[in-house]
Amino acid sequence: MEFPVDPATFSMRGLLDKMNASMRATGASVHLKKKVAEGVYVDAKEDDDTSNVDLQVKLAAATNAVKGKSHAERLAFAVARKEAANALYREGAYVRAGDTYLEALVGLDFGDSEEEKREAVQTVQIPVLCNLAACKLAMGEAPAVVVLCDKAIEVDPTCVKAWLRRCRAHADLERMAEAKADLARAAELATSEADVALVKRGRKQLQRDIAALREHRERERAMWAKVADADVYDDMPSHEEREAMAAAAKAAKAAIPDLGDDTSEDEEGGGGDGGGVCSRLLDCLDGLLFDGSRARLRQRRQKAKAE
C-alpha cells in the first residue's frame, strides 16, 4: 500500500528550500514564523517546529492511506511501516524511525474479533510501543519512555522488553528503586532464552548505572565538603568590627567642622583645622577597614608556611 504523498521525501524544510529557489531571481524569500502571542511572531526553529509540522503531515498521510481499507489491508500497512521504522532504527536515524513507528500506530486497525485484535496487538502494537521507547531512550527522552512502556505493560503485562526499557528509563531518571523493581519483574517473566539474555544485559547495565550514580554523588559530597571547610569569609569584618566601624564613622562625621564657603586657606595648605580633622578621619577609617583583614591575611600566610 502506497502513500498518496510520500512522507519519506516530504519535509517543511525541503518545501521552503524549493520555494526560495524558485523565487531567487526576484530577490524574495520565504521564512517560517511561529505565533507566540497576539501580533508577535518569532523565527521557527528547524529542529523543533518544522519537524513537528513534518510529523503531522506524515500522520495525516498515513490516516488517508488506510481510509476505507479492510482490516487485513490496514494490518499489512502497519506491518510495512513498522519494518521501515526498524530499518531506520538500525541506521541510527532515531527521529525518523520514531515518526515511522507512529505512522504504523495511526494506520493500525484492531478488527472486530478477539483473534483479529490479538493479532494486531502482538504483531504491531506491542512491538511498535517497545521500539518507539527504544528510540526515545537513544534520544535521551526518559520520561517519554516511561509513558510508552506504561502503555505497553497495560496492554500486555508479560512483555519483558517493556519492563526492561522502563527499567532503563527509571535509571536515567535516577529512580533506582523503581529500576530495580522493573528489572526483578522482567526476570520473573523471562522464560525464553532470548528474554533471559535481555534480562542479563539489563542487570549488568543497571549495575553500571548504579555505580556511576554512586560515584557522581560521592564527588558531589566531596565538593560540598570542601566548600563547607573553606575559609570563604575570612576577609569579611566580624559583627563587632562592623559595629565599631559604624560608630567611628558616626563620630568622625560629628567631628568635622563646618568649613563654610571659605576654603582658600585649605586649598593653599594654610591654617584651619579642616584638613587636620579630615586627615585624622581618613587615618581612623583606614585602620578600622583594613587592619583586621591585614592581620587575618598575615595569619593565613603564616599557617600556610607552617604546613
Protein backbone atom coordinates (compact mmCIF):
# COMPACT_ATOMS: atom_id res chain seq x y z
CA MET A 1 0.00 0.00 0.00
CA GLU A 2 1.49 3.33 -1.10
CA PHE A 3 1.12 6.76 0.47
CA PRO A 4 -0.76 9.40 -1.58
CA VAL A 5 2.09 11.68 -0.55
CA ASP A 6 5.42 10.05 0.19
CA PRO A 7 6.24 11.21 3.77
CA ALA A 8 9.77 9.91 3.49
CA THR A 9 10.65 12.59 0.94
CA PHE A 10 8.44 15.41 2.25
CA SER A 11 9.71 17.94 4.75
CA MET A 12 8.80 21.51 5.60
CA ARG A 13 12.46 22.46 5.28
CA GLY A 14 12.56 20.94 1.79
CA LEU A 15 9.38 22.75 0.80
CA LEU A 16 10.77 26.09 1.96
CA ASP A 17 14.04 25.46 0.11
CA LYS A 18 12.17 24.74 -3.13
CA MET A 19 10.04 27.86 -2.77
CA ASN A 20 13.08 30.05 -2.10
CA ALA A 21 14.96 28.51 -5.03
CA SER A 22 12.09 29.33 -7.39
CA MET A 23 11.96 32.97 -6.17
CA ARG A 24 15.71 33.58 -6.05
CA ALA A 25 15.67 35.62 -9.26
CA THR A 26 13.11 38.03 -7.76
CA GLY A 27 15.14 38.62 -4.61
CA ALA A 28 12.23 37.48 -2.43
CA SER A 29 12.38 34.67 0.13
CA VAL A 30 10.05 32.77 2.45
CA HIS A 31 10.70 32.27 6.16
CA LEU A 32 8.69 30.20 8.62
CA LYS A 33 7.36 32.12 11.62
CA LYS A 34 5.64 30.95 14.80
CA LYS A 35 3.00 32.94 16.63
CA VAL A 36 3.87 33.26 20.32
CA ALA A 37 1.39 36.00 21.29
CA GLU A 38 -1.20 38.20 19.68
CA GLY A 39 0.63 40.04 16.94
CA VAL A 40 4.02 38.62 17.97
CA TYR A 41 5.88 36.17 15.70
CA VAL A 42 9.34 34.66 16.03
CA ASP A 43 11.50 32.61 13.67
CA ALA A 44 10.59 28.93 13.83
CA LYS A 45 13.31 26.53 14.94
CA GLU A 46 14.04 23.98 12.25
CA ASP A 47 14.80 21.11 14.64
CA ASP A 48 11.61 21.55 16.66
CA ASP A 49 8.90 23.44 14.83
CA THR A 50 9.45 22.22 11.28
CA SER A 51 9.87 18.61 12.43
CA ASN A 52 6.54 18.84 14.25
CA VAL A 53 4.90 20.08 11.07
CA ASP A 54 6.53 17.26 9.10
CA LEU A 55 5.23 14.68 11.58
CA GLN A 56 1.67 16.00 11.36
CA VAL A 57 1.81 15.76 7.57
CA LYS A 58 3.13 12.20 7.74
CA LEU A 59 0.45 11.10 10.19
CA ALA A 60 -2.24 12.73 8.06
CA ALA A 61 -0.89 10.89 5.02
CA ALA A 62 -0.95 7.61 6.95
CA THR A 63 -4.55 8.20 8.00
CA ASN A 64 -5.60 8.93 4.43
CA ALA A 65 -3.71 5.90 3.11
CA VAL A 66 -5.77 3.44 5.17
CA LYS A 67 -9.13 5.22 4.97
CA GLY A 68 -11.83 2.80 3.84
CA LYS A 69 -9.44 -0.18 3.81
CA SER A 70 -10.16 -3.60 5.25
CA HIS A 71 -8.69 -4.90 8.49
CA ALA A 72 -6.21 -7.08 6.58
CA GLU A 73 -5.07 -4.15 4.42
CA ARG A 74 -4.65 -1.87 7.41
CA LEU A 75 -2.69 -4.53 9.27
CA ALA A 76 -0.43 -5.01 6.24
CA PHE A 77 0.12 -1.23 6.08
CA ALA A 78 1.03 -1.07 9.80
CA VAL A 79 3.42 -4.02 9.48
CA ALA A 80 5.12 -2.38 6.47
CA ARG A 81 5.59 0.91 8.36
CA LYS A 82 6.93 -0.97 11.38
CA GLU A 83 9.52 -2.77 9.24
CA ALA A 84 10.51 0.51 7.58
CA ALA A 85 10.96 2.05 11.03
CA ASN A 86 13.06 -0.93 12.16
CA ALA A 87 15.42 -0.32 9.25
CA LEU A 88 15.73 3.37 10.15
CA TYR A 89 16.42 2.47 13.78
CA ARG A 90 19.24 0.13 12.74
CA GLU A 91 20.74 3.02 10.76
CA GLY A 92 20.65 5.24 13.85
CA ALA A 93 18.00 7.57 12.36
CA TYR A 94 16.04 7.63 15.61
CA VAL A 95 13.85 10.67 14.88
CA ARG A 96 12.70 9.35 11.51
CA ALA A 97 12.28 5.87 12.96
CA GLY A 98 10.10 7.25 15.74
CA ASP A 99 7.91 9.12 13.25
CA THR A 100 7.51 5.97 11.17
CA TYR A 101 6.55 3.90 14.21
CA LEU A 102 3.82 6.46 14.89
CA GLU A 103 2.59 6.05 11.31
CA ALA A 104 2.24 2.33 11.99
CA LEU A 105 0.13 3.01 15.08
CA VAL A 106 -2.06 5.53 13.23
CA GLY A 107 -2.76 3.03 10.45
CA LEU A 108 -3.44 0.10 12.78
CA ASP A 109 -6.89 -1.48 12.97
CA PHE A 110 -7.84 -3.93 15.74
CA GLY A 111 -10.61 -5.62 13.77
CA ASP A 112 -13.90 -6.96 15.04
CA SER A 113 -12.99 -10.28 16.62
CA GLU A 114 -10.77 -11.19 19.57
CA GLU A 115 -8.48 -13.07 17.23
CA GLU A 116 -8.02 -10.03 14.98
CA LYS A 117 -7.38 -7.82 17.99
CA ARG A 118 -4.83 -10.26 19.43
CA GLU A 119 -3.01 -10.40 16.09
CA ALA A 120 -2.89 -6.59 15.84
CA VAL A 121 -1.65 -6.24 19.41
CA GLN A 122 1.10 -8.85 19.18
CA THR A 123 2.16 -8.14 15.59
CA VAL A 124 2.18 -4.33 15.67
CA GLN A 125 1.04 -2.51 18.82
CA ILE A 126 3.34 -4.03 21.45
CA PRO A 127 6.47 -4.23 19.22
CA VAL A 128 5.92 -0.67 18.00
CA LEU A 129 5.46 0.72 21.52
CA CYS A 130 8.63 -1.02 22.72
CA ASN A 131 10.64 0.02 19.68
CA LEU A 132 9.40 3.59 19.91
CA ALA A 133 10.53 3.52 23.56
CA ALA A 134 13.96 2.36 22.34
CA CYS A 135 14.10 5.39 20.01
CA LYS A 136 13.26 7.72 22.88
CA LEU A 137 15.91 6.07 25.06
CA ALA A 138 18.51 6.65 22.36
CA MET A 139 17.39 10.30 22.15
CA GLY A 140 17.62 10.77 25.93
CA GLU A 141 13.87 11.25 26.44
CA ALA A 142 13.41 9.06 29.51
CA PRO A 143 10.02 10.49 30.61
CA ALA A 144 8.53 9.58 27.21
CA VAL A 145 9.97 6.07 27.56
CA VAL A 146 8.14 5.60 30.86
CA VAL A 147 4.83 6.67 29.28
CA LEU A 148 5.26 4.33 26.29
CA CYS A 149 6.25 1.37 28.45
CA ASP A 150 3.39 2.04 30.86
CA LYS A 151 1.02 1.68 27.89
CA ALA A 152 2.74 -1.47 26.63
CA ILE A 153 2.58 -3.07 30.09
CA GLU A 154 -1.07 -2.07 30.40
CA VAL A 155 -1.83 -3.88 27.14
CA ASP A 156 0.47 -6.85 27.80
CA PRO A 157 1.79 -7.19 31.39
CA THR A 158 4.02 -10.09 30.32
CA CYS A 159 6.12 -8.05 27.84
CA VAL A 160 9.71 -8.41 29.06
CA LYS A 161 11.07 -5.69 26.75
CA ALA A 162 8.60 -3.14 28.13
CA TRP A 163 9.70 -3.86 31.72
CA LEU A 164 13.39 -3.70 30.78
CA ARG A 165 13.10 -0.45 28.83
CA ARG A 166 11.14 1.17 31.61
CA CYS A 167 13.92 -0.03 33.95
CA ARG A 168 16.47 1.82 31.81
CA ALA A 169 14.33 4.96 31.77
CA HIS A 170 13.97 4.92 35.57
CA ALA A 171 17.74 4.53 35.88
CA ASP A 172 18.30 7.51 33.57
CA LEU A 173 15.96 9.49 35.84
CA GLU A 174 17.95 8.29 38.90
CA ARG A 175 14.95 6.35 40.22
CA MET A 176 16.98 3.32 41.18
CA ALA A 177 14.36 1.67 43.41
CA GLU A 178 11.84 1.69 40.54
CA ALA A 179 14.50 0.46 38.13
CA LYS A 180 15.35 -2.49 40.39
CA ALA A 181 11.67 -3.38 40.73
CA ASP A 182 11.18 -3.37 36.94
CA LEU A 183 14.28 -5.50 36.44
CA ALA A 184 13.07 -8.01 39.02
CA ARG A 185 9.69 -8.24 37.28
CA ALA A 186 11.35 -8.75 33.90
CA ALA A 187 13.46 -11.57 35.39
CA GLU A 188 10.30 -13.27 36.71
CA LEU A 189 8.64 -13.09 33.28
CA ALA A 190 11.65 -14.17 31.21
CA THR A 191 11.16 -17.73 30.00
CA SER A 192 12.70 -17.83 26.54
CA GLU A 193 16.45 -17.91 26.01
CA ALA A 194 16.29 -14.54 24.24
CA ASP A 195 14.42 -12.89 27.13
CA VAL A 196 16.81 -14.35 29.69
CA ALA A 197 19.74 -12.89 27.73
CA LEU A 198 17.99 -9.49 27.64
CA VAL A 199 17.49 -9.58 31.40
CA LYS A 200 21.15 -10.47 31.94
CA ARG A 201 22.26 -7.48 29.83
CA GLY A 202 19.76 -5.27 31.62
CA ARG A 203 21.10 -6.31 35.02
CA LYS A 204 24.69 -5.51 34.01
CA GLN A 205 23.62 -2.13 32.63
CA LEU A 206 21.73 -1.28 35.81
CA GLN A 207 24.76 -2.22 37.91
CA ARG A 208 26.88 0.16 35.84
CA ASP A 209 24.24 2.90 36.19
CA ILE A 210 24.10 2.48 39.96
CA ALA A 211 27.90 2.52 40.26
CA ALA A 212 28.12 5.66 38.08
CA LEU A 213 25.43 7.41 40.11
CA ARG A 214 27.14 6.48 43.39
CA GLU A 215 30.47 7.82 42.10
CA HIS A 216 28.79 11.03 40.93
CA ARG A 217 27.18 11.60 44.32
CA GLU A 218 30.44 10.91 46.13
CA ARG A 219 32.14 13.57 44.01
CA GLU A 220 29.33 16.00 44.81
CA ARG A 221 29.62 15.31 48.54
CA ALA A 222 33.38 15.81 48.42
CA MET A 223 32.97 19.08 46.53
CA TRP A 224 30.45 20.47 49.00
CA ALA A 225 32.59 19.32 51.92
CA LYS A 226 35.47 21.39 50.54
CA VAL A 227 33.19 24.38 50.16
CA ALA A 228 31.96 23.99 53.74
CA ASP A 229 35.53 23.72 55.09
CA ALA A 230 36.91 26.64 53.10
CA ASP A 231 37.51 29.98 54.89
CA VAL A 232 35.40 31.81 52.35
CA TYR A 233 34.54 34.67 54.69
CA ASP A 234 37.95 35.20 56.32
CA ASP A 235 38.28 38.70 54.89
CA MET A 236 34.83 39.77 56.00
CA PRO A 237 34.76 42.02 59.09
CA SER A 238 33.19 40.49 62.20
CA HIS A 239 29.95 41.78 63.73
CA GLU A 240 31.91 43.66 66.40
CA GLU A 241 34.18 45.22 63.77
CA ARG A 242 31.21 46.37 61.70
CA GLU A 243 29.65 48.00 64.78
CA ALA A 244 32.96 49.73 65.59
CA MET A 245 33.25 50.97 62.01
CA ALA A 246 29.72 52.39 62.11
CA ALA A 247 30.37 54.11 65.45
CA ALA A 248 33.67 55.57 64.24
CA ALA A 249 32.07 56.87 61.06
CA LYS A 250 29.30 58.50 63.07
CA ALA A 251 31.78 60.10 65.47
CA ALA A 252 34.02 61.29 62.64
CA LYS A 253 31.09 62.85 60.86
CA ALA A 254 30.17 64.79 64.02
CA ALA A 255 33.80 65.93 64.46
CA ILE A 256 34.09 67.50 61.01
CA PRO A 257 33.76 71.31 61.41
CA ASP A 258 31.55 73.43 59.23
CA LEU A 259 34.09 74.98 56.86
CA GLY A 260 31.51 77.19 55.15
CA ASP A 261 32.38 78.68 51.77
CA ASP A 262 35.87 79.95 52.68
CA THR A 263 38.26 77.14 51.73
CA SER A 264 41.08 79.24 50.38
CA GLU A 265 43.40 78.52 53.28
CA ASP A 266 42.91 74.74 52.97
CA GLU A 267 43.43 74.84 49.23
CA GLU A 268 46.78 76.59 49.79
CA GLY A 269 47.73 74.21 52.58
CA GLY A 270 47.45 77.11 55.14
CA GLY A 271 45.79 77.32 58.58
CA GLY A 272 42.39 76.00 59.61
CA ASP A 273 41.68 72.68 61.26
CA GLY A 274 39.55 71.20 58.47
CA GLY A 275 42.48 69.47 56.78
CA GLY A 276 43.75 68.01 60.05
CA VAL A 277 40.35 66.64 61.04
CA CYS A 278 39.83 65.11 57.62
CA SER A 279 43.28 63.58 57.75
CA ARG A 280 42.62 62.07 61.17
CA LEU A 281 39.26 60.80 59.94
CA LEU A 282 40.82 59.05 56.97
CA ASP A 283 43.53 57.52 59.16
CA CYS A 284 40.89 56.27 61.58
CA LEU A 285 38.74 54.71 58.90
CA ASP A 286 41.79 53.20 57.17
CA GLY A 287 42.72 51.42 60.37
CA LEU A 288 39.20 50.16 61.01
CA LEU A 289 38.65 48.95 57.46
CA PHE A 290 41.97 47.30 56.78
CA ASP A 291 43.81 46.42 59.99
CA GLY A 292 41.60 43.44 60.79
CA SER A 293 41.77 41.92 57.32
CA ARG A 294 45.52 42.50 57.12
CA ALA A 295 46.01 40.71 60.40
CA ARG A 296 43.95 37.74 59.21
CA LEU A 297 45.87 37.67 55.93
CA ARG A 298 49.16 37.51 57.84
CA GLN A 299 47.79 34.67 59.98
CA ARG A 300 46.78 32.61 56.92
CA ARG A 301 50.16 33.14 55.30
CA GLN A 302 51.96 32.03 58.43
CA LYS A 303 49.71 28.98 58.69
CA ALA A 304 50.35 28.07 55.03
CA LYS A 305 54.12 28.34 55.54
CA ALA A 306 53.93 26.14 58.63
CA GLU A 307 52.04 23.44 56.71
